[in-house]
PDB file of N, CA and C in Angstrom:
ATOM      1  N   UNK A   1     115.532 -79.070  43.355  1.00  0.00           N
ATOM      2  CA  UNK A   1     114.195 -77.687  42.972  1.00  0.00           C
ATOM      3  C   UNK A   1     114.942 -78.099  41.549  1.00  0.00           C
ATOM      4  N   UNK A   2     113.985 -78.473  40.150  1.00  0.00           N
ATOM      5  CA  UNK A   2     114.595 -78.414  39.116  1.00  0.00           C
ATOM      6  C   UNK A   2     113.771 -76.343  38.586  1.00  0.00           C
ATOM      7  N   UNK A   3     114.288 -76.733  37.462  1.00  0.00           N
ATOM      8  CA  UNK A   3     113.755 -75.520  36.688  1.00  0.00           C
ATOM      9  C   UNK A   3     111.672 -75.210  36.523  1.00  0.00           C
ATOM     10  N   UNK A   4     111.198 -76.074  35.949  1.00  0.00           N
ATOM     11  CA  UNK A   4     109.745 -76.137  36.210  1.00  0.00           C
ATOM     12  C   UNK A   4     109.109 -75.913  37.746  1.00  0.00           C
ATOM     13  N   UNK A   5     110.050 -77.250  38.942  1.00  0.00           N
ATOM     14  CA  UNK A   5     109.863 -76.729  39.877  1.00  0.00           C
ATOM     15  C   UNK A   5     109.762 -75.221  40.578  1.00  0.00           C
ATOM     16  N   UNK A   6     110.580 -74.232  39.864  1.00  0.00           N
ATOM     17  CA  UNK A   6     110.991 -73.319  40.445  1.00  0.00           C
ATOM     18  C   UNK A   6     110.207 -72.502  39.939  1.00  0.00           C
ATOM     19  N   UNK A   7     109.872 -72.548  38.303  1.00  0.00           N
ATOM     20  CA  UNK A   7     108.913 -71.579  37.603  1.00  0.00           C
ATOM     21  C   UNK A   7     107.756 -71.515  38.218  1.00  0.00           C
ATOM     22  N   UNK A   8     106.969 -72.823  38.893  1.00  0.00           N
ATOM     23  CA  UNK A   8     106.037 -72.851  39.101  1.00  0.00           C
ATOM     24  C   UNK A   8     105.511 -72.380  40.367  1.00  0.00           C
ATOM     25  N   UNK A   9     106.255 -72.664  41.207  1.00  0.00           N
ATOM     26  CA  UNK A   9     106.782 -71.859  42.198  1.00  0.00           C
ATOM     27  C   UNK A   9     106.779 -70.572  42.631  1.00  0.00           C
ATOM     28  N   UNK A  10     106.931 -69.669  41.279  1.00  0.00           N
ATOM     29  CA  UNK A  10     107.008 -68.302  40.935  1.00  0.00           C
ATOM     30  C   UNK A  10     105.705 -67.571  40.901  1.00  0.00           C
ATOM     31  N   UNK A  11     104.903 -68.922  39.073  1.00  0.00           N
ATOM     32  CA  UNK A  11     103.968 -68.223  39.247  1.00  0.00           C
ATOM     33  C   UNK A  11     103.406 -68.071  40.313  1.00  0.00           C
ATOM     34  N   UNK A  12     103.162 -69.624  41.267  1.00  0.00           N
ATOM     35  CA  UNK A  12     101.736 -69.711  42.596  1.00  0.00           C
ATOM     36  C   UNK A  12     102.057 -68.262  43.494  1.00  0.00           C
ATOM     37  N   UNK A  13     103.333 -67.375  42.974  1.00  0.00           N
ATOM     38  CA  UNK A  13     103.653 -66.033  44.321  1.00  0.00           C
ATOM     39  C   UNK A  13     103.555 -64.804  43.491  1.00  0.00           C
ATOM     40  N   UNK A  14     102.840 -65.024  42.366  1.00  0.00           N
ATOM     41  CA  UNK A  14     102.504 -63.966  41.303  1.00  0.00           C
ATOM     42  C   UNK A  14     102.635 -62.218  41.830  1.00  0.00           C
ATOM     43  N   UNK A  15     103.964 -62.429  41.385  1.00  0.00           N
ATOM     44  CA  UNK A  15     104.857 -61.156  42.294  1.00  0.00           C
ATOM     45  C   UNK A  15     104.299 -60.118  40.605  1.00  0.00           C
ATOM     46  N   UNK A  16     104.509 -58.983  41.300  1.00  0.00           N
ATOM     47  CA  UNK A  16     103.737 -57.658  40.137  1.00  0.00           C
ATOM     48  C   UNK A  16     105.607 -57.672  39.263  1.00  0.00           C
ATOM     49  N   UNK A  17     105.547 -56.936  38.767  1.00  0.00           N
ATOM     50  CA  UNK A  17     106.955 -56.517  37.557  1.00  0.00           C
ATOM     51  C   UNK A  17     107.686 -56.023  38.759  1.00  0.00           C
ATOM     52  N   UNK A  18     107.301 -54.550  39.570  1.00  0.00           N
ATOM     53  CA  UNK A  18     107.836 -53.786  40.432  1.00  0.00           C
ATOM     54  C   UNK A  18     108.848 -54.637  41.144  1.00  0.00           C
ATOM     55  N   UNK A  19     107.830 -55.423  42.348  1.00  0.00           N
ATOM     56  CA  UNK A  19     108.580 -57.037  42.837  1.00  0.00           C
ATOM     57  C   UNK A  19     109.355 -58.003  42.744  1.00  0.00           C
ATOM     58  N   UNK A  20     109.043 -58.291  41.312  1.00  0.00           N
ATOM     59  CA  UNK A  20     110.252 -58.922  40.407  1.00  0.00           C
ATOM     60  C   UNK A  20     111.612 -58.882  40.088  1.00  0.00           C
ATOM     61  N   UNK A  21     111.252 -57.192  40.264  1.00  0.00           N
ATOM     62  CA  UNK A  21     112.586 -56.631  39.532  1.00  0.00           C
ATOM     63  C   UNK A  21     112.870 -56.844  40.338  1.00  0.00           C
ATOM     64  N   UNK A  22     112.906 -56.241  42.388  1.00  0.00           N
ATOM     65  CA  UNK A  22     113.248 -55.932  43.711  1.00  0.00           C
ATOM     66  C   UNK A  22     113.797 -57.092  43.651  1.00  0.00           C
ATOM     67  N   UNK A  23     113.145 -58.385  43.670  1.00  0.00           N
ATOM     68  CA  UNK A  23     113.186 -60.157  43.556  1.00  0.00           C
ATOM     69  C   UNK A  23     114.724 -59.945  43.200  1.00  0.00           C
ATOM     70  N   UNK A  24     114.541 -59.490  41.642  1.00  0.00           N
ATOM     71  CA  UNK A  24     115.640 -59.881  40.578  1.00  0.00           C
ATOM     72  C   UNK A  24     117.554 -59.538  41.428  1.00  0.00           C
ATOM     73  N   UNK A  25     116.749 -57.852  41.925  1.00  0.00           N
ATOM     74  CA  UNK A  25     117.869 -57.181  42.066  1.00  0.00           C
ATOM     75  C   UNK A  25     118.969 -57.737  44.447  1.00  0.00           C
ATOM     76  N   UNK A  26     118.058 -58.077  44.861  1.00  0.00           N
ATOM     77  CA  UNK A  26     118.335 -58.573  45.820  1.00  0.00           C
ATOM     78  C   UNK A  26     118.933 -59.815  45.314  1.00  0.00           C
ATOM     79  N   UNK A  27     118.564 -61.197  44.630  1.00  0.00           N
ATOM     80  CA  UNK A  27     119.428 -62.098  43.924  1.00  0.00           C
ATOM     81  C   UNK A  27     120.429 -61.791  43.525  1.00  0.00           C
ATOM     82  N   UNK A  28     120.173 -61.028  42.377  1.00  0.00           N
ATOM     83  CA  UNK A  28     121.505 -59.765  41.672  1.00  0.00           C
ATOM     84  C   UNK A  28     123.126 -60.212  42.446  1.00  0.00           C
ATOM     85  N   UNK A  29     122.470 -59.287  43.832  1.00  0.00           N
ATOM     86  CA  UNK A  29     123.335 -57.788  44.966  1.00  0.00           C
ATOM     87  C   UNK A  29     123.852 -59.645  45.628  1.00  0.00           C
ATOM     88  N   UNK A  30     123.292 -60.450  45.657  1.00  0.00           N
ATOM     89  CA  UNK A  30     123.903 -61.156  46.838  1.00  0.00           C
ATOM     90  C   UNK A  30     124.794 -62.450  46.248  1.00  0.00           C
ATOM     91  N   UNK A  31     124.758 -62.473  44.802  1.00  0.00           N
ATOM     92  CA  UNK A  31     125.832 -63.405  43.725  1.00  0.00           C
ATOM     93  C   UNK A  31     126.944 -62.662  43.518  1.00  0.00           C
ATOM     94  N   UNK A  32     126.776 -61.503  43.556  1.00  0.00           N
ATOM     95  CA  UNK A  32     127.422 -60.492  43.107  1.00  0.00           C
ATOM     96  C   UNK A  32     128.941 -60.597  44.543  1.00  0.00           C
ATOM     97  N   UNK A  33     127.269 -60.533  46.187  1.00  0.00           N
ATOM     98  CA  UNK A  33     129.179 -60.125  47.119  1.00  0.00           C
ATOM     99  C   UNK A  33     129.101 -61.428  46.846  1.00  0.00           C
ATOM    100  N   UNK A  34     128.856 -62.733  46.542  1.00  0.00           N
ATOM    101  CA  UNK A  34     129.111 -64.139  46.595  1.00  0.00           C
ATOM    102  C   UNK A  34     131.009 -64.470  46.282  1.00  0.00           C
ATOM    103  N   UNK A  35     130.354 -63.217  45.296  1.00  0.00           N
ATOM    104  CA  UNK A  35     131.671 -63.714  44.225  1.00  0.00           C
ATOM    105  C   UNK A  35     133.333 -63.394  45.069  1.00  0.00           C
ATOM    106  N   UNK A  36     134.755 -63.409  45.631  1.00  0.00           N
ATOM    107  CA  UNK A  36     135.601 -63.039  45.868  1.00  0.00           C
ATOM    108  C   UNK A  36     136.390 -63.288  44.289  1.00  0.00           C
ATOM    109  N   UNK A  37     137.566 -62.928  44.588  1.00  0.00           N
ATOM    110  CA  UNK A  37     139.344 -63.364  44.170  1.00  0.00           C
ATOM    111  C   UNK A  37     139.580 -63.891  44.303  1.00  0.00           C
ATOM    112  N   UNK A  38     140.830 -64.174  43.161  1.00  0.00           N
ATOM    113  CA  UNK A  38     141.260 -65.809  44.989  1.00  0.00           C
ATOM    114  C   UNK A  38     142.137 -64.794  45.377  1.00  0.00           C
ATOM    115  N   UNK A  39     142.137 -63.736  45.114  1.00  0.00           N
ATOM    116  CA  UNK A  39     143.775 -63.236  46.671  1.00  0.00           C
ATOM    117  C   UNK A  39     142.129 -62.747  47.836  1.00  0.00           C
ATOM    118  N   UNK A  40     141.980 -62.591  47.401  1.00  0.00           N
ATOM    119  CA  UNK A  40     140.672 -62.287  48.582  1.00  0.00           C
ATOM    120  C   UNK A  40     140.916 -63.928  48.838  1.00  0.00           C
ATOM    121  N   UNK A  41     139.773 -64.416  48.494  1.00  0.00           N
ATOM    122  CA  UNK A  41     140.152 -66.053  49.278  1.00  0.00           C
ATOM    123  C   UNK A  41     141.227 -66.753  49.986  1.00  0.00           C
ATOM    124  N   UNK A  42     142.651 -66.418  49.558  1.00  0.00           N
ATOM    125  CA  UNK A  42     144.059 -66.348  49.750  1.00  0.00           C
ATOM    126  C   UNK A  42     144.022 -65.628  51.782  1.00  0.00           C
ATOM    127  N   UNK A  43     143.568 -64.465  51.322  1.00  0.00           N
ATOM    128  CA  UNK A  43     144.170 -63.254  52.053  1.00  0.00           C
ATOM    129  C   UNK A  43     142.779 -63.811  53.352  1.00  0.00           C
ATOM    130  N   UNK A  44     141.419 -63.980  53.606  1.00  0.00           N
ATOM    131  CA  UNK A  44     140.881 -64.302  53.841  1.00  0.00           C
ATOM    132  C   UNK A  44     141.120 -65.858  54.719  1.00  0.00           C
ATOM    133  N   UNK A  45     141.863 -67.226  53.756  1.00  0.00           N
ATOM    134  CA  UNK A  45     142.568 -68.398  54.466  1.00  0.00           C
ATOM    135  C   UNK A  45     143.857 -67.478  55.491  1.00  0.00           C
ATOM    136  N   UNK A  46     144.194 -66.614  55.235  1.00  0.00           N
ATOM    137  CA  UNK A  46     145.248 -66.138  56.015  1.00  0.00           C
ATOM    138  C   UNK A  46     144.840 -65.747  57.104  1.00  0.00           C
ATOM    139  N   UNK A  47     143.667 -64.802  57.265  1.00  0.00           N
ATOM    140  CA  UNK A  47     143.414 -64.162  58.390  1.00  0.00           C
ATOM    141  C   UNK A  47     142.674 -65.242  59.551  1.00  0.00           C
ATOM    142  N   UNK A  48     142.430 -66.226  58.756  1.00  0.00           N
ATOM    143  CA  UNK A  48     141.766 -67.324  59.734  1.00  0.00           C
ATOM    144  C   UNK A  48     142.502 -67.768  60.167  1.00  0.00           C
ATOM    145  N   UNK A  49     143.966 -68.606  59.226  1.00  0.00           N
ATOM    146  CA  UNK A  49     144.476 -69.293  60.110  1.00  0.00           C
ATOM    147  C   UNK A  49     146.546 -69.034  59.669  1.00  0.00           C
ATOM    148  N   UNK A  50     147.085 -68.221  60.400  1.00  0.00           N
ATOM    149  CA  UNK A  50     148.081 -67.658  60.038  1.00  0.00           C
ATOM    150  C   UNK A  50     149.061 -68.970  59.101  1.00  0.00           C
ATOM    151  N   UNK A  51     149.180 -69.199  60.187  1.00  0.00           N
ATOM    152  CA  UNK A  51     151.003 -70.219  59.521  1.00  0.00           C
ATOM    153  C   UNK A  51     150.332 -71.312  58.691  1.00  0.00           C
ATOM    154  N   UNK A  52     149.085 -72.669  59.052  1.00  0.00           N
ATOM    155  CA  UNK A  52     148.633 -72.946  57.356  1.00  0.00           C
ATOM    156  C   UNK A  52     148.738 -72.301  56.286  1.00  0.00           C
ATOM    157  N   UNK A  53     147.833 -70.766  56.373  1.00  0.00           N
ATOM    158  CA  UNK A  53     147.526 -70.353  55.478  1.00  0.00           C
ATOM    159  C   UNK A  53     148.765 -69.984  54.338  1.00  0.00           C
ATOM    160  N   UNK A  54     149.655 -69.306  55.448  1.00  0.00           N
ATOM    161  CA  UNK A  54     151.293 -69.178  54.441  1.00  0.00           C
ATOM    162  C   UNK A  54     151.402 -70.205  53.961  1.00  0.00           C
ATOM    163  N   UNK A  55     151.686 -72.513  54.807  1.00  0.00           N
ATOM    164  CA  UNK A  55     152.227 -72.988  54.620  1.00  0.00           C
ATOM    165  C   UNK A  55     151.685 -73.089  53.122  1.00  0.00           C
ATOM    166  N   UNK A  56     150.378 -73.108  53.071  1.00  0.00           N
ATOM    167  CA  UNK A  56     149.592 -73.717  51.922  1.00  0.00           C
ATOM    168  C   UNK A  56     149.501 -72.640  50.542  1.00  0.00           C
ATOM    169  N   UNK A  57     149.857 -71.191  50.736  1.00  0.00           N
ATOM    170  CA  UNK A  57     150.405 -70.185  49.526  1.00  0.00           C
ATOM    171  C   UNK A  57     152.084 -70.733  48.941  1.00  0.00           C
ATOM    172  N   UNK A  58     153.081 -70.497  50.227  1.00  0.00           N
ATOM    173  CA  UNK A  58     154.452 -71.140  50.034  1.00  0.00           C
ATOM    174  C   UNK A  58     154.523 -72.530  48.821  1.00  0.00           C
ATOM    175  N   UNK A  59     153.792 -73.441  49.077  1.00  0.00           N
ATOM    176  CA  UNK A  59     153.873 -74.734  48.769  1.00  0.00           C
ATOM    177  C   UNK A  59     152.835 -74.401  47.154  1.00  0.00           C
ATOM    178  N   UNK A  60     151.883 -73.868  47.177  1.00  0.00           N
ATOM    179  CA  UNK A  60     151.292 -73.152  45.768  1.00  0.00           C
ATOM    180  C   UNK A  60     152.353 -73.117  44.932  1.00  0.00           C
ATOM    181  N   UNK A  61     153.495 -71.881  45.229  1.00  0.00           N
ATOM    182  CA  UNK A  61     154.440 -71.104  44.745  1.00  0.00           C
ATOM    183  C   UNK A  61     155.131 -71.933  44.235  1.00  0.00           C
ATOM    184  N   UNK A  62     155.832 -73.301  45.268  1.00  0.00           N
ATOM    185  CA  UNK A  62     156.481 -74.098  44.753  1.00  0.00           C
ATOM    186  C   UNK A  62     156.291 -74.875  43.431  1.00  0.00           C
ATOM    187  N   UNK A  63     155.053 -75.028  44.072  1.00  0.00           N
ATOM    188  CA  UNK A  63     154.254 -76.239  42.734  1.00  0.00           C
ATOM    189  C   UNK A  63     154.430 -75.482  41.264  1.00  0.00           C
ATOM    190  N   UNK A  64     153.669 -74.536  41.516  1.00  0.00           N
ATOM    191  CA  UNK A  64     153.835 -73.081  40.355  1.00  0.00           C
ATOM    192  C   UNK A  64     155.408 -73.817  39.666  1.00  0.00           C
ATOM    193  N   UNK A  65     156.728 -73.186  40.249  1.00  0.00           N
ATOM    194  CA  UNK A  65     157.677 -73.141  39.979  1.00  0.00           C
ATOM    195  C   UNK A  65     157.960 -74.627  39.073  1.00  0.00           C
ATOM    196  N   UNK A  66     157.774 -75.852  39.880  1.00  0.00           N
ATOM    197  CA  UNK A  66     158.630 -77.039  39.232  1.00  0.00           C
ATOM    198  C   UNK A  66     157.461 -77.770  38.240  1.00  0.00           C
ATOM    199  N   UNK A  67     156.010 -77.552  38.536  1.00  0.00           N
ATOM    200  CA  UNK A  67     155.427 -78.392  37.335  1.00  0.00           C
ATOM    201  C   UNK A  67     155.443 -77.058  36.001  1.00  0.00           C
ATOM    202  N   UNK A  68     155.435 -76.028  35.971  1.00  0.00           N
ATOM    203  CA  UNK A  68     155.553 -74.868  35.141  1.00  0.00           C
ATOM    204  C   UNK A  68     157.057 -75.197  33.932  1.00  0.00           C
ATOM    205  N   UNK A  69     157.823 -75.831  34.803  1.00  0.00           N
ATOM    206  CA  UNK A  69     158.341 -76.495  34.157  1.00  0.00           C
ATOM    207  C   UNK A  69     158.576 -77.624  33.359  1.00  0.00           C
ATOM    208  N   UNK A  70     158.000 -78.846  33.653  1.00  0.00           N
ATOM    209  CA  UNK A  70     157.683 -79.084  33.839  1.00  0.00           C
ATOM    210  C   UNK A  70     156.700 -79.845  32.456  1.00  0.00           C
ATOM    211  N   UNK A  71     155.882 -79.250  32.877  1.00  0.00           N
ATOM    212  CA  UNK A  71     154.822 -78.712  31.217  1.00  0.00           C
ATOM    213  C   UNK A  71     155.488 -78.827  29.900  1.00  0.00           C
ATOM    214  N   UNK A  72     156.626 -77.518  30.309  1.00  0.00           N
ATOM    215  CA  UNK A  72     157.269 -77.591  28.915  1.00  0.00           C
ATOM    216  C   UNK A  72     157.717 -79.052  28.359  1.00  0.00           C
ATOM    217  N   UNK A  73     158.888 -78.938  28.991  1.00  0.00           N
ATOM    218  CA  UNK A  73     159.666 -80.553  29.211  1.00  0.00           C
ATOM    219  C   UNK A  73     158.143 -81.630  28.539  1.00  0.00           C
ATOM    220  N   UNK A  74     157.416 -82.118  28.703  1.00  0.00           N
ATOM    221  CA  UNK A  74     156.032 -83.003  28.680  1.00  0.00           C
ATOM    222  C   UNK A  74     155.449 -81.895  27.505  1.00  0.00           C
ATOM    223  N   UNK A  75     155.056 -80.928  27.483  1.00  0.00           N
ATOM    224  CA  UNK A  75     154.704 -80.069  25.744  1.00  0.00           C
ATOM    225  C   UNK A  75     155.594 -80.591  24.457  1.00  0.00           C
ATOM    226  N   UNK A  76     156.774 -80.581  25.095  1.00  0.00           N
ATOM    227  CA  UNK A  76     158.314 -80.619  24.240  1.00  0.00           C
ATOM    228  C   UNK A  76     157.907 -81.528  23.442  1.00  0.00           C
ATOM    229  N   UNK A  77     157.489 -83.171  24.142  1.00  0.00           N
ATOM    230  CA  UNK A  77     157.991 -84.123  23.966  1.00  0.00           C
ATOM    231  C   UNK A  77     156.805 -84.864  23.110  1.00  0.00           C
ATOM    232  N   UNK A  78     155.489 -84.632  23.333  1.00  0.00           N
ATOM    233  CA  UNK A  78     154.357 -84.602  22.434  1.00  0.00           C
ATOM    234  C   UNK A  78     154.473 -83.729  21.495  1.00  0.00           C
TER     235      UNK A  78
END
């Protein structure tokens, strides 16, 4: 669905100003509830599958330790 179809559908529904505010508040609430921090995503992964989640977290930590100095070397060469 593109913007023009959405606008047409919205106009066909003809919500009042109060209904429109209520709908927009619900949509914003839903979008805000879906946003989560990276830490929350990691914690959710560890809760669902602890062994794999901890393995991925350890791998990510090792990559940060390896890639950071490598980035310094490459940036100093360039």
